[in-house]
N, C-alpha and C. Protein backbone atom coordinates (compact mmCIF):
# COMPACT_ATOMS: atom_id res chain seq x y z
N THR A 1 91.05 113.85 97.31
CA THR A 1 89.70 114.36 97.45
C THR A 1 89.67 115.50 98.47
N PRO A 2 88.93 116.54 98.20
CA PRO A 2 88.83 117.64 99.16
C PRO A 2 87.88 117.33 100.32
N TYR A 3 87.30 116.14 100.32
CA TYR A 3 86.31 115.80 101.35
C TYR A 3 86.84 114.87 102.43
N SER A 4 88.08 114.45 102.34
CA SER A 4 88.68 113.54 103.32
C SER A 4 89.17 114.31 104.55
N GLN A 5 88.65 113.98 105.72
CA GLN A 5 89.12 114.61 106.95
C GLN A 5 90.59 114.29 107.21
N LEU A 6 91.00 113.07 106.89
CA LEU A 6 92.41 112.69 107.11
C LEU A 6 93.35 113.54 106.27
N MET A 7 92.97 113.82 105.05
CA MET A 7 93.83 114.61 104.18
C MET A 7 93.92 116.06 104.66
N TRP A 8 92.86 116.58 105.26
CA TRP A 8 92.88 117.94 105.78
C TRP A 8 93.62 118.01 107.12
N GLY A 9 93.78 116.89 107.77
CA GLY A 9 94.44 116.87 109.08
C GLY A 9 95.92 117.19 108.97
N GLY A 10 96.70 116.68 109.87
CA GLY A 10 98.11 117.03 109.96
C GLY A 10 98.98 116.63 108.80
N ALA A 11 98.60 115.61 108.02
CA ALA A 11 99.50 115.09 106.99
C ALA A 11 99.74 116.08 105.84
N TYR A 12 98.72 116.75 105.39
CA TYR A 12 98.88 117.55 104.18
C TYR A 12 98.44 119.00 104.28
N ALA A 13 97.44 119.30 105.02
CA ALA A 13 96.86 120.65 104.96
C ALA A 13 97.02 121.41 106.27
N ASN A 14 98.04 121.08 107.06
CA ASN A 14 98.35 121.84 108.26
C ASN A 14 97.12 122.01 109.16
N PHE A 15 96.48 120.91 109.44
CA PHE A 15 95.32 120.91 110.34
C PHE A 15 94.23 121.88 109.87
N HIS A 16 93.83 121.72 108.62
CA HIS A 16 92.73 122.48 108.01
C HIS A 16 93.09 123.94 107.71
N LYS A 17 94.37 124.31 107.79
CA LYS A 17 94.78 125.69 107.52
C LYS A 17 95.25 125.89 106.09
N GLY A 18 95.32 124.82 105.32
CA GLY A 18 95.83 124.89 103.95
C GLY A 18 94.71 124.96 102.93
N PHE A 19 95.03 124.55 101.72
CA PHE A 19 94.04 124.53 100.65
C PHE A 19 94.28 123.33 99.76
N CYS A 20 93.28 122.99 98.98
CA CYS A 20 93.33 121.83 98.08
C CYS A 20 93.01 122.32 96.67
N VAL A 21 93.82 121.91 95.70
CA VAL A 21 93.60 122.30 94.32
C VAL A 21 93.09 121.09 93.53
N GLU A 22 91.99 121.28 92.84
CA GLU A 22 91.41 120.23 91.99
C GLU A 22 91.72 120.56 90.53
N TYR A 23 92.19 119.57 89.79
CA TYR A 23 92.55 119.77 88.39
C TYR A 23 91.62 118.98 87.48
N THR A 24 91.50 119.45 86.24
CA THR A 24 90.79 118.71 85.21
C THR A 24 91.84 117.94 84.41
N ILE A 25 91.76 116.63 84.45
CA ILE A 25 92.72 115.79 83.72
C ILE A 25 92.22 115.66 82.28
N LEU A 26 92.97 116.24 81.35
CA LEU A 26 92.59 116.23 79.94
C LEU A 26 93.43 115.17 79.22
N SER A 27 92.95 113.95 79.25
CA SER A 27 93.73 112.83 78.71
C SER A 27 93.86 112.84 77.19
N GLN A 28 92.92 113.46 76.50
CA GLN A 28 92.94 113.46 75.03
C GLN A 28 93.61 114.69 74.43
N ASP A 29 93.86 115.70 75.24
CA ASP A 29 94.44 116.96 74.76
C ASP A 29 95.94 116.77 74.55
N LEU A 30 96.41 116.98 73.32
CA LEU A 30 97.83 116.77 73.00
C LEU A 30 98.75 117.66 73.82
N GLN A 31 98.29 118.83 74.22
CA GLN A 31 99.10 119.74 75.03
C GLN A 31 99.49 119.10 76.37
N TYR A 32 98.65 118.19 76.87
CA TYR A 32 98.88 117.58 78.18
C TYR A 32 99.24 116.10 78.08
N GLN A 33 99.53 115.61 76.88
CA GLN A 33 99.80 114.19 76.67
C GLN A 33 100.95 113.67 77.52
N ASP A 34 102.06 114.42 77.58
CA ASP A 34 103.22 113.98 78.37
C ASP A 34 102.86 113.89 79.85
N LEU A 35 102.09 114.84 80.33
CA LEU A 35 101.67 114.79 81.74
C LEU A 35 100.81 113.56 81.98
N PHE A 36 99.80 113.38 81.15
CA PHE A 36 98.87 112.28 81.36
C PHE A 36 99.57 110.93 81.32
N LEU A 37 100.48 110.75 80.39
CA LEU A 37 101.17 109.46 80.24
C LEU A 37 102.20 109.20 81.34
N ASN A 38 102.48 110.22 82.15
CA ASN A 38 103.43 110.05 83.25
C ASN A 38 102.79 110.14 84.63
N LEU A 39 101.47 110.03 84.67
CA LEU A 39 100.73 109.94 85.94
C LEU A 39 100.52 108.47 86.27
N PHE A 40 100.89 108.08 87.49
CA PHE A 40 100.79 106.68 87.87
C PHE A 40 100.13 106.54 89.24
N PRO A 41 99.28 105.53 89.40
CA PRO A 41 98.71 105.29 90.74
C PRO A 41 99.76 104.65 91.64
N MET A 42 99.71 104.98 92.92
CA MET A 42 100.61 104.36 93.89
C MET A 42 100.24 102.90 94.06
N ILE A 43 101.24 102.11 94.41
CA ILE A 43 101.04 100.70 94.71
C ILE A 43 101.24 100.55 96.21
N TYR A 44 100.19 100.19 96.91
CA TYR A 44 100.26 100.06 98.37
C TYR A 44 100.52 98.60 98.71
N CYS A 45 101.54 98.36 99.51
CA CYS A 45 101.91 96.98 99.79
C CYS A 45 102.47 96.85 101.21
N LYS A 46 102.57 95.63 101.66
CA LYS A 46 103.07 95.36 103.01
C LYS A 46 104.60 95.18 103.02
N ILE A 47 105.15 94.61 101.95
CA ILE A 47 106.58 94.32 101.86
C ILE A 47 107.31 95.51 101.23
N ARG A 48 108.35 95.99 101.91
CA ARG A 48 109.16 97.09 101.39
C ARG A 48 110.18 96.53 100.39
N PRO A 49 110.17 97.02 99.15
CA PRO A 49 111.17 96.55 98.18
C PRO A 49 112.58 96.97 98.61
N ASN A 50 113.56 96.12 98.36
CA ASN A 50 114.95 96.43 98.70
C ASN A 50 115.56 97.22 97.54
N MET A 51 115.43 98.54 97.60
CA MET A 51 115.92 99.38 96.51
C MET A 51 117.44 99.46 96.50
N THR A 52 118.09 99.32 97.64
CA THR A 52 119.55 99.34 97.68
C THR A 52 120.10 98.20 96.83
N LYS A 53 119.54 97.02 97.00
CA LYS A 53 119.98 95.86 96.23
C LYS A 53 119.71 96.07 94.74
N ARG A 54 118.53 96.59 94.41
CA ARG A 54 118.19 96.84 93.00
C ARG A 54 119.14 97.85 92.37
N LEU A 55 119.42 98.93 93.10
CA LEU A 55 120.28 99.98 92.56
C LEU A 55 121.72 99.50 92.43
N ALA A 56 122.16 98.66 93.37
CA ALA A 56 123.53 98.11 93.29
C ALA A 56 123.70 97.26 92.03
N LYS A 57 122.65 96.54 91.62
CA LYS A 57 122.73 95.69 90.43
C LYS A 57 122.91 96.50 89.15
N ILE A 58 122.45 97.72 89.14
CA ILE A 58 122.51 98.54 87.92
C ILE A 58 123.57 99.64 88.00
N GLU A 59 124.42 99.58 89.02
CA GLU A 59 125.35 100.67 89.31
C GLU A 59 126.15 101.14 88.10
N ASN A 60 126.70 100.26 87.32
CA ASN A 60 127.55 100.65 86.19
C ASN A 60 126.87 100.46 84.84
N LYS A 61 125.58 100.25 84.85
CA LYS A 61 124.85 100.04 83.60
C LYS A 61 124.28 101.36 83.09
N GLU A 62 124.06 101.40 81.77
CA GLU A 62 123.40 102.57 81.18
C GLU A 62 121.92 102.52 81.57
N LEU A 63 121.36 103.67 81.93
CA LEU A 63 119.96 103.71 82.33
C LEU A 63 119.05 103.60 81.11
N THR A 64 118.43 102.44 80.96
CA THR A 64 117.47 102.23 79.88
C THR A 64 116.07 102.50 80.41
N LYS A 65 115.11 102.51 79.51
CA LYS A 65 113.71 102.70 79.92
C LYS A 65 113.27 101.57 80.84
N GLU A 66 113.73 100.37 80.58
CA GLU A 66 113.36 99.22 81.40
C GLU A 66 113.91 99.36 82.82
N ILE A 67 115.16 99.79 82.93
CA ILE A 67 115.77 99.97 84.25
C ILE A 67 115.07 101.09 85.01
N LEU A 68 114.79 102.22 84.33
CA LEU A 68 114.08 103.32 84.98
C LEU A 68 112.69 102.88 85.44
N TRP A 69 112.00 102.13 84.58
CA TRP A 69 110.66 101.68 84.97
C TRP A 69 110.74 100.77 86.20
N ASP A 70 111.75 99.92 86.28
CA ASP A 70 111.93 99.05 87.45
C ASP A 70 112.14 99.89 88.72
N ILE A 71 112.94 100.95 88.61
CA ILE A 71 113.16 101.84 89.76
C ILE A 71 111.85 102.53 90.14
N TYR A 72 111.14 103.05 89.16
CA TYR A 72 109.86 103.71 89.44
C TYR A 72 108.88 102.74 90.07
N PHE A 73 108.72 101.58 89.42
CA PHE A 73 107.70 100.61 89.84
C PHE A 73 107.94 100.10 91.25
N HIS A 74 109.20 99.79 91.57
CA HIS A 74 109.50 99.21 92.88
C HIS A 74 109.92 100.24 93.93
N GLY A 75 110.22 101.46 93.51
CA GLY A 75 110.68 102.49 94.44
C GLY A 75 109.71 103.65 94.54
N ALA A 76 109.70 104.49 93.53
CA ALA A 76 108.93 105.74 93.58
C ALA A 76 107.42 105.53 93.63
N LEU A 77 106.96 104.38 93.19
CA LEU A 77 105.51 104.14 93.17
C LEU A 77 105.04 103.16 94.25
N ARG A 78 105.85 102.91 95.24
CA ARG A 78 105.47 102.00 96.34
C ARG A 78 105.31 102.77 97.64
N LYS A 79 104.33 102.36 98.41
CA LYS A 79 104.07 102.99 99.69
C LYS A 79 103.42 101.96 100.61
N SER A 80 103.60 102.15 101.89
CA SER A 80 103.01 101.24 102.87
C SER A 80 101.49 101.16 102.70
N ILE A 81 100.97 99.99 102.92
CA ILE A 81 99.53 99.76 102.82
C ILE A 81 98.75 100.65 103.80
N ASP A 82 99.43 101.13 104.84
CA ASP A 82 98.79 102.03 105.81
C ASP A 82 98.28 103.32 105.16
N TRP A 83 98.84 103.69 104.02
CA TRP A 83 98.46 104.93 103.35
C TRP A 83 97.45 104.73 102.22
N ALA A 84 96.90 103.56 102.08
CA ALA A 84 96.02 103.25 100.95
C ALA A 84 94.81 104.17 100.87
N PHE A 85 94.37 104.71 102.01
CA PHE A 85 93.20 105.60 102.01
C PHE A 85 93.44 106.85 101.15
N GLN A 86 94.71 107.17 100.87
CA GLN A 86 95.02 108.37 100.10
C GLN A 86 94.66 108.26 98.62
N ASN A 87 94.67 107.05 98.09
CA ASN A 87 94.44 106.86 96.65
C ASN A 87 95.33 107.81 95.82
N GLU A 88 96.60 107.84 96.19
CA GLU A 88 97.54 108.80 95.60
C GLU A 88 97.96 108.41 94.20
N TRP A 89 98.17 109.43 93.38
CA TRP A 89 98.78 109.29 92.07
C TRP A 89 100.04 110.15 92.07
N ARG A 90 101.07 109.71 91.36
CA ARG A 90 102.31 110.49 91.28
C ARG A 90 102.63 110.81 89.83
N LEU A 91 103.17 111.99 89.65
CA LEU A 91 103.64 112.43 88.35
C LEU A 91 105.15 112.23 88.32
N LEU A 92 105.62 111.39 87.40
CA LEU A 92 107.05 111.10 87.28
C LEU A 92 107.54 111.59 85.93
N LEU A 93 108.31 112.66 85.94
CA LEU A 93 108.83 113.22 84.70
C LEU A 93 110.35 113.10 84.69
N PRO A 94 110.94 112.86 83.51
CA PRO A 94 112.40 112.78 83.44
C PRO A 94 113.01 114.13 83.77
N MET A 95 114.13 114.10 84.49
CA MET A 95 114.84 115.34 84.84
C MET A 95 115.87 115.65 83.77
N LYS A 96 116.14 116.93 83.58
CA LYS A 96 117.19 117.34 82.67
C LYS A 96 118.53 117.20 83.39
N LYS A 97 119.60 116.96 82.63
CA LYS A 97 120.92 116.80 83.25
C LYS A 97 121.39 118.09 83.92
N HIS A 98 121.11 119.23 83.31
CA HIS A 98 121.53 120.51 83.87
C HIS A 98 120.27 121.26 84.31
N LEU A 99 120.03 121.24 85.61
CA LEU A 99 118.81 121.84 86.14
C LEU A 99 118.95 123.34 86.31
N THR A 100 117.89 124.04 85.94
CA THR A 100 117.77 125.46 86.23
C THR A 100 116.42 125.63 86.91
N SER A 101 116.15 126.81 87.41
CA SER A 101 114.86 127.02 88.06
C SER A 101 113.71 126.83 87.07
N ASP A 102 113.94 127.07 85.77
CA ASP A 102 112.90 126.87 84.76
C ASP A 102 112.62 125.40 84.51
N SER A 103 113.56 124.52 84.86
CA SER A 103 113.36 123.09 84.63
C SER A 103 112.16 122.54 85.39
N TYR A 104 111.81 123.20 86.49
CA TYR A 104 110.72 122.73 87.32
C TYR A 104 109.37 123.31 86.91
N CYS A 105 109.38 124.29 86.03
CA CYS A 105 108.14 124.94 85.60
C CYS A 105 107.62 124.25 84.34
N ILE A 106 106.54 123.51 84.49
CA ILE A 106 105.95 122.83 83.35
C ILE A 106 104.47 123.18 83.28
N PRO A 107 103.91 123.28 82.07
CA PRO A 107 102.47 123.54 81.98
C PRO A 107 101.71 122.37 82.59
N PHE A 108 100.75 122.66 83.44
CA PHE A 108 100.00 121.61 84.11
C PHE A 108 98.54 121.68 83.72
N PHE A 109 97.79 120.63 84.05
CA PHE A 109 96.37 120.59 83.76
C PHE A 109 95.67 121.83 84.33
N PRO A 110 94.57 122.25 83.71
CA PRO A 110 93.86 123.43 84.23
C PRO A 110 93.25 123.16 85.61
N ILE A 111 93.25 124.21 86.43
CA ILE A 111 92.65 124.12 87.76
C ILE A 111 91.13 124.20 87.62
N THR A 112 90.43 123.24 88.21
CA THR A 112 88.98 123.20 88.19
C THR A 112 88.40 124.02 89.33
N LYS A 113 88.99 123.86 90.53
CA LYS A 113 88.46 124.52 91.71
C LYS A 113 89.51 124.50 92.81
N VAL A 114 89.42 125.47 93.72
CA VAL A 114 90.29 125.53 94.89
C VAL A 114 89.40 125.43 96.12
N PHE A 115 89.79 124.58 97.07
CA PHE A 115 89.05 124.39 98.32
C PHE A 115 89.88 124.96 99.46
N LEU A 116 89.26 125.81 100.27
CA LEU A 116 89.95 126.50 101.36
C LEU A 116 89.67 125.80 102.68
N GLY A 117 90.70 125.53 103.45
CA GLY A 117 90.55 124.87 104.74
C GLY A 117 89.73 125.70 105.72
N ASN A 118 88.99 125.04 106.58
CA ASN A 118 88.10 125.76 107.49
C ASN A 118 88.82 126.45 108.64
N ARG A 119 90.13 126.24 108.78
CA ARG A 119 90.90 126.95 109.81
C ARG A 119 91.98 127.84 109.19
N MET A 120 91.85 128.11 107.92
CA MET A 120 92.82 128.94 107.20
C MET A 120 92.80 130.36 107.78
N SER A 121 93.98 130.97 107.91
CA SER A 121 94.04 132.33 108.43
C SER A 121 93.36 133.30 107.47
N GLN A 122 92.91 134.42 107.98
CA GLN A 122 92.25 135.42 107.14
C GLN A 122 93.19 135.92 106.05
N GLU A 123 94.46 136.11 106.39
CA GLU A 123 95.43 136.60 105.40
C GLU A 123 95.60 135.60 104.26
N SER A 124 95.78 134.33 104.62
CA SER A 124 95.96 133.29 103.60
C SER A 124 94.69 133.14 102.77
N ARG A 125 93.55 133.14 103.42
CA ARG A 125 92.26 133.00 102.72
C ARG A 125 92.10 134.14 101.70
N LYS A 126 92.39 135.35 102.13
CA LYS A 126 92.27 136.51 101.24
C LYS A 126 93.22 136.38 100.05
N GLU A 127 94.46 135.97 100.33
CA GLU A 127 95.46 135.83 99.27
C GLU A 127 95.02 134.81 98.22
N ILE A 128 94.54 133.65 98.67
CA ILE A 128 94.12 132.60 97.73
C ILE A 128 92.88 133.05 96.94
N ILE A 129 91.93 133.69 97.62
CA ILE A 129 90.72 134.17 96.94
C ILE A 129 91.08 135.20 95.87
N GLU A 130 92.02 136.09 96.16
CA GLU A 130 92.42 137.10 95.17
C GLU A 130 93.06 136.44 93.95
N ILE A 131 93.89 135.42 94.18
CA ILE A 131 94.49 134.68 93.06
C ILE A 131 93.38 134.03 92.23
N CYS A 132 92.42 133.41 92.90
CA CYS A 132 91.30 132.77 92.20
C CYS A 132 90.50 133.80 91.40
N HIS A 133 90.22 134.96 91.98
CA HIS A 133 89.51 136.02 91.26
C HIS A 133 90.29 136.44 90.01
N ASP A 134 91.59 136.69 90.17
CA ASP A 134 92.43 137.15 89.06
C ASP A 134 92.45 136.14 87.92
N ARG A 135 92.43 134.86 88.26
CA ARG A 135 92.55 133.81 87.24
C ARG A 135 91.22 133.15 86.91
N LYS A 136 90.13 133.71 87.46
CA LYS A 136 88.77 133.21 87.20
C LYS A 136 88.64 131.72 87.53
N ILE A 137 89.14 131.36 88.72
CA ILE A 137 89.08 129.98 89.19
C ILE A 137 88.02 129.90 90.29
N PRO A 138 87.06 128.99 90.18
CA PRO A 138 86.07 128.82 91.25
C PRO A 138 86.75 128.35 92.54
N TYR A 139 86.16 128.72 93.66
CA TYR A 139 86.70 128.29 94.95
C TYR A 139 85.55 128.14 95.93
N SER A 140 85.85 127.42 97.01
CA SER A 140 84.85 127.20 98.05
C SER A 140 85.58 126.86 99.34
N GLY A 141 84.99 127.27 100.45
CA GLY A 141 85.49 126.81 101.73
C GLY A 141 84.96 125.41 101.99
N VAL A 142 85.61 124.68 102.88
CA VAL A 142 85.09 123.38 103.29
C VAL A 142 84.82 123.40 104.79
N VAL A 143 83.80 122.67 105.18
CA VAL A 143 83.41 122.55 106.59
C VAL A 143 83.12 121.08 106.88
N ARG A 144 83.08 120.74 108.14
CA ARG A 144 82.75 119.36 108.52
C ARG A 144 81.30 119.06 108.18
N ASN A 145 81.07 117.90 107.62
CA ASN A 145 79.71 117.44 107.34
C ASN A 145 79.10 116.95 108.65
N PRO A 146 77.92 117.43 109.01
CA PRO A 146 77.34 117.03 110.30
C PRO A 146 76.81 115.60 110.32
N ASN A 147 76.66 114.97 109.16
CA ASN A 147 76.02 113.66 109.09
C ASN A 147 76.97 112.49 108.85
N VAL A 148 78.10 112.75 108.23
CA VAL A 148 79.07 111.69 107.93
C VAL A 148 80.47 112.20 108.26
N PHE A 149 81.41 111.28 108.39
CA PHE A 149 82.79 111.65 108.72
C PHE A 149 83.55 112.08 107.47
N GLU A 150 83.23 113.25 106.98
CA GLU A 150 83.94 113.83 105.86
C GLU A 150 83.65 115.33 105.82
N MET A 151 84.38 116.00 104.96
CA MET A 151 84.18 117.44 104.79
C MET A 151 83.16 117.65 103.68
N GLN A 152 82.63 118.86 103.61
CA GLN A 152 81.71 119.21 102.53
C GLN A 152 81.96 120.66 102.16
N GLU A 153 81.51 121.05 100.97
CA GLU A 153 81.65 122.44 100.58
C GLU A 153 80.76 123.31 101.46
N CYS A 154 81.28 124.45 101.84
CA CYS A 154 80.52 125.37 102.67
C CYS A 154 79.45 126.03 101.79
N PRO A 155 78.21 126.08 102.28
CA PRO A 155 77.15 126.69 101.47
C PRO A 155 77.26 128.21 101.38
N THR A 156 78.05 128.83 102.27
CA THR A 156 78.19 130.28 102.28
C THR A 156 79.40 130.70 101.46
N LYS A 157 79.24 131.69 100.62
CA LYS A 157 80.36 132.24 99.85
C LYS A 157 81.37 132.83 100.84
N CYS A 158 82.64 132.59 100.64
CA CYS A 158 83.69 133.01 101.59
C CYS A 158 83.60 134.50 101.94
N GLU A 159 83.32 135.34 100.95
CA GLU A 159 83.24 136.78 101.20
C GLU A 159 82.06 137.17 102.09
N ASP A 160 81.02 136.32 102.13
CA ASP A 160 79.82 136.61 102.92
C ASP A 160 79.83 135.92 104.28
N CYS A 161 80.89 135.17 104.57
CA CYS A 161 80.94 134.38 105.78
C CYS A 161 81.17 135.26 107.01
N THR A 162 80.38 135.06 108.04
CA THR A 162 80.55 135.82 109.27
C THR A 162 81.70 135.27 110.11
N LYS A 163 82.09 134.03 109.86
CA LYS A 163 83.21 133.44 110.59
C LYS A 163 84.55 134.06 110.15
N HIS A 164 84.64 134.35 108.85
CA HIS A 164 85.87 134.89 108.28
C HIS A 164 85.57 136.26 107.70
N THR A 165 85.91 137.32 108.40
CA THR A 165 85.70 138.67 107.89
C THR A 165 86.86 139.03 106.97
N LEU A 166 86.54 139.16 105.69
CA LEU A 166 87.57 139.47 104.71
C LEU A 166 87.32 140.87 104.16
N ILE A 167 88.35 141.66 104.08
CA ILE A 167 88.24 143.01 103.51
C ILE A 167 89.03 143.03 102.22
N PHE A 168 88.33 143.33 101.13
CA PHE A 168 88.99 143.39 99.81
C PHE A 168 89.12 144.81 99.34
């Protein structure tokens, strides 16, 4: 969520200097079917699974879908309960045996909106806004909500903001 103060803090957005991208999840669109079917919610738990023991058991076995799912379920999709506030989802896609730089480029869900951190540098803010303009993507700055402990969209358009003087 672009409204979580914790997410904008040090963990992900460099103390409000970063940005947040919101996507439209198109679950019924065949173009995005592989993406949608490989999105999984994190499992937050207190007990850390022993992945070394699990991996040792399958060391010389052929990797089947069942074995991969066990690795994903108990390894890649587990996180300490301390992080439950994140409500994280992970995209798990099979890797190709021979990786090239193109292997990492996959069509992704369309961007709905971009949220700009309230401490983002003028250079970074201008760069992101120009990308949004070029691609016709809506964007908004975020500011602290004065009434509750969360962020909110800034009512002022970034280009009109007196706090951030941007020259285009």
